């Protein structure tokens, strides 16, 4: 069910703190890359 438009990201969740940080980093990186591609900043 993973697509190029909506890929699945596997996040290790043995440590709740680590998992939350990893999710936030992934979202921030994805948003940054998408905005750079879209607006060529």
PDB file of N, CA and C in Angstrom:
ATOM      1  N   UNK A   1       0.811  -1.202   0.000  1.00  0.00           N
ATOM      2  CA  UNK A   1       0.000   0.000   0.000  1.00  0.00           C
ATOM      3  C   UNK A   1       0.852   1.262   0.000  1.00  0.00           C
ATOM      4  N   UNK A   2       2.161   1.112   0.100  1.00  0.00           N
ATOM      5  CA  UNK A   2       3.050   2.271   0.042  1.00  0.00           C
ATOM      6  C   UNK A   2       3.171   2.738  -1.403  1.00  0.00           C
ATOM      7  N   UNK A   3       3.090   4.039  -1.610  1.00  0.00           N
ATOM      8  CA  UNK A   3       3.234   4.605  -2.948  1.00  0.00           C
ATOM      9  C   UNK A   3       4.282   5.705  -2.909  1.00  0.00           C
ATOM     10  N   UNK A   4       4.690   6.190  -4.081  1.00  0.00           N
ATOM     11  CA  UNK A   4       5.652   7.292  -4.101  1.00  0.00           C
ATOM     12  C   UNK A   4       5.025   8.552  -3.523  1.00  0.00           C
ATOM     13  N   UNK A   5       3.718   8.685  -3.656  1.00  0.00           N
ATOM     14  CA  UNK A   5       3.016   9.850  -3.124  1.00  0.00           C
ATOM     15  C   UNK A   5       2.867   9.771  -1.610  1.00  0.00           C
ATOM     16  N   UNK A   6       2.680   8.552  -1.102  1.00  0.00           N
ATOM     17  CA  UNK A   6       2.480   8.355   0.344  1.00  0.00           C
ATOM     18  C   UNK A   6       3.274   7.139   0.817  1.00  0.00           C
ATOM     19  N   UNK A   7       4.605   7.289   0.927  1.00  0.00           N
ATOM     20  CA  UNK A   7       5.423   6.139   1.329  1.00  0.00           C
ATOM     21  C   UNK A   7       5.268   5.805   2.810  1.00  0.00           C
ATOM     22  N   UNK A   8       5.471   4.543   3.117  1.00  0.00           N
ATOM     23  CA  UNK A   8       5.468   4.123   4.510  1.00  0.00           C
ATOM     24  C   UNK A   8       6.849   4.357   5.083  1.00  0.00           C
ATOM     25  N   UNK A   9       6.913   4.790   6.318  1.00  0.00           N
ATOM     26  CA  UNK A   9       8.166   4.990   7.031  1.00  0.00           C
ATOM     27  C   UNK A   9       8.146   4.071   8.248  1.00  0.00           C
ATOM     28  N   UNK A  10       9.173   3.244   8.396  1.00  0.00           N
ATOM     29  CA  UNK A  10       9.259   2.340   9.540  1.00  0.00           C
ATOM     30  C   UNK A  10       9.995   3.062  10.662  1.00  0.00           C
ATOM     31  N   UNK A  11       9.347   3.149  11.815  1.00  0.00           N
ATOM     32  CA  UNK A  11       9.936   3.815  12.973  1.00  0.00           C
ATOM     33  C   UNK A  11      10.053   2.798  14.106  1.00  0.00           C
ATOM     34  N   UNK A  12      11.281   2.594  14.560  1.00  0.00           N
ATOM     35  CA  UNK A  12      11.476   1.699  15.698  1.00  0.00           C
ATOM     36  C   UNK A  12      10.824   2.339  16.926  1.00  0.00           C
ATOM     37  N   UNK A  13      10.065   1.550  17.665  1.00  0.00           N
ATOM     38  CA  UNK A  13       9.310   2.124  18.776  1.00  0.00           C
ATOM     39  C   UNK A  13       9.611   1.446  20.110  1.00  0.00           C
ATOM     40  N   UNK A  14      10.816   0.938  20.264  1.00  0.00           N
ATOM     41  CA  UNK A  14      11.185   0.341  21.553  1.00  0.00           C
ATOM     42  C   UNK A  14      11.312   1.404  22.634  1.00  0.00           C
ATOM     43  N   UNK A  15      11.656   2.607  22.223  1.00  0.00           N
ATOM     44  CA  UNK A  15      11.821   3.727  23.149  1.00  0.00           C
ATOM     45  C   UNK A  15      10.870   4.837  22.697  1.00  0.00           C
ATOM     46  N   UNK A  16       9.885   5.159  23.515  1.00  0.00           N
ATOM     47  CA  UNK A  16       8.853   6.126  23.131  1.00  0.00           C
ATOM     48  C   UNK A  16       9.450   7.486  22.776  1.00  0.00           C
ATOM     49  N   UNK A  17      10.416   7.954  23.553  1.00  0.00           N
ATOM     50  CA  UNK A  17      11.055   9.248  23.295  1.00  0.00           C
ATOM     51  C   UNK A  17      11.744   9.232  21.932  1.00  0.00           C
ATOM     52  N   UNK A  18      12.533   8.199  21.662  1.00  0.00           N
ATOM     53  CA  UNK A  18      13.229   8.077  20.387  1.00  0.00           C
ATOM     54  C   UNK A  18      12.237   8.034  19.229  1.00  0.00           C
ATOM     55  N   UNK A  19      11.165   7.279  19.377  1.00  0.00           N
ATOM     56  CA  UNK A  19      10.169   7.143  18.315  1.00  0.00           C
ATOM     57  C   UNK A  19       9.524   8.488  17.993  1.00  0.00           C
ATOM     58  N   UNK A  20       9.193   9.254  19.004  1.00  0.00           N
ATOM     59  CA  UNK A  20       8.570  10.564  18.777  1.00  0.00           C
ATOM     60  C   UNK A  20       9.526  11.515  18.068  1.00  0.00           C
ATOM     61  N   UNK A  21      10.790  11.521  18.478  1.00  0.00           N
ATOM     62  CA  UNK A  21      11.786  12.379  17.836  1.00  0.00           C
ATOM     63  C   UNK A  21      11.977  11.961  16.384  1.00  0.00           C
ATOM     64  N   UNK A  22      12.042  10.661  16.135  1.00  0.00           N
ATOM     65  CA  UNK A  22      12.235  10.151  14.773  1.00  0.00           C
ATOM     66  C   UNK A  22      11.066  10.557  13.874  1.00  0.00           C
ATOM     67  N   UNK A  23       9.851  10.469  14.373  1.00  0.00           N
ATOM     68  CA  UNK A  23       8.675  10.866  13.592  1.00  0.00           C
ATOM     69  C   UNK A  23       8.722  12.361  13.289  1.00  0.00           C
ATOM     70  N   UNK A  24       9.034  13.177  14.284  1.00  0.00           N
ATOM     71  CA  UNK A  24       9.113  14.628  14.067  1.00  0.00           C
ATOM     72  C   UNK A  24      10.203  14.982  13.060  1.00  0.00           C
ATOM     73  N   UNK A  25      11.357  14.326  13.150  1.00  0.00           N
ATOM     74  CA  UNK A  25      12.440  14.577  12.194  1.00  0.00           C
ATOM     75  C   UNK A  25      12.023  14.186  10.779  1.00  0.00           C
ATOM     76  N   UNK A  26      11.349  13.047  10.650  1.00  0.00           N
ATOM     77  CA  UNK A  26      10.914  12.570   9.341  1.00  0.00           C
ATOM     78  C   UNK A  26       9.906  13.529   8.722  1.00  0.00           C
ATOM     79  N   UNK A  27       8.951  13.988   9.503  1.00  0.00           N
ATOM     80  CA  UNK A  27       7.948  14.934   9.003  1.00  0.00           C
ATOM     81  C   UNK A  27       8.613  16.251   8.606  1.00  0.00           C
ATOM     82  N   UNK A  28       9.495  16.762   9.444  1.00  0.00           N
ATOM     83  CA  UNK A  28      10.172  18.028   9.152  1.00  0.00           C
ATOM     84  C   UNK A  28      11.029  17.914   7.894  1.00  0.00           C
ATOM     85  N   UNK A  29      11.772  16.822   7.745  1.00  0.00           N
ATOM     86  CA  UNK A  29      12.609  16.629   6.558  1.00  0.00           C
ATOM     87  C   UNK A  29      11.765  16.513   5.295  1.00  0.00           C
ATOM     88  N   UNK A  30      10.667  15.771   5.387  1.00  0.00           N
ATOM     89  CA  UNK A  30       9.792  15.599   4.226  1.00  0.00           C
ATOM     90  C   UNK A  30       9.165  16.923   3.812  1.00  0.00           C
ATOM     91  N   UNK A  31       8.686  17.696   4.773  1.00  0.00           N
ATOM     92  CA  UNK A  31       8.116  19.011   4.464  1.00  0.00           C
ATOM     93  C   UNK A  31       9.160  19.932   3.845  1.00  0.00           C
ATOM     94  N   UNK A  32      10.346  19.937   4.396  1.00  0.00           N
ATOM     95  CA  UNK A  32      11.417  20.781   3.885  1.00  0.00           C
ATOM     96  C   UNK A  32      11.768  20.410   2.447  1.00  0.00           C
ATOM     97  N   UNK A  33      11.937  19.123   2.186  1.00  0.00           N
ATOM     98  CA  UNK A  33      12.275  18.673   0.832  1.00  0.00           C
ATOM     99  C   UNK A  33      11.164  18.987  -0.160  1.00  0.00           C
ATOM    100  N   UNK A  34       9.923  18.779   0.239  1.00  0.00           N
ATOM    101  CA  UNK A  34       8.789  19.044  -0.644  1.00  0.00           C
ATOM    102  C   UNK A  34       8.683  20.527  -0.971  1.00  0.00           C
ATOM    103  N   UNK A  35       8.843  21.377   0.028  1.00  0.00           N
ATOM    104  CA  UNK A  35       8.768  22.820  -0.206  1.00  0.00           C
ATOM    105  C   UNK A  35       9.919  23.303  -1.079  1.00  0.00           C
ATOM    106  N   UNK A  36      11.115  22.755  -0.882  1.00  0.00           N
ATOM    107  CA  UNK A  36      12.253  23.142  -1.711  1.00  0.00           C
ATOM    108  C   UNK A  36      12.037  22.741  -3.161  1.00  0.00           C
ATOM    109  N   UNK A  37      11.499  21.537  -3.385  1.00  0.00           N
ATOM    110  CA  UNK A  37      11.219  21.085  -4.747  1.00  0.00           C
ATOM    111  C   UNK A  37      10.138  21.951  -5.392  1.00  0.00           C
ATOM    112  N   UNK A  38       9.113  22.252  -4.631  1.00  0.00           N
ATOM    113  CA  UNK A  38       7.980  22.987  -5.179  1.00  0.00           C
ATOM    114  C   UNK A  38       8.328  24.440  -5.490  1.00  0.00           C
ATOM    115  N   UNK A  39       9.074  25.075  -4.605  1.00  0.00           N
ATOM    116  CA  UNK A  39       9.358  26.497  -4.759  1.00  0.00           C
ATOM    117  C   UNK A  39      10.803  26.781  -5.143  1.00  0.00           C
ATOM    118  N   UNK A  40      11.602  25.737  -5.314  1.00  0.00           N
ATOM    119  CA  UNK A  40      12.993  25.843  -5.740  1.00  0.00           C
ATOM    120  C   UNK A  40      13.746  26.922  -4.977  1.00  0.00           C
ATOM    121  N   UNK A  41      13.711  26.806  -3.673  1.00  0.00           N
ATOM    122  CA  UNK A  41      14.380  27.780  -2.805  1.00  0.00           C
ATOM    123  C   UNK A  41      15.836  27.427  -2.663  1.00  0.00           C
TER     124      UNK A  41
END
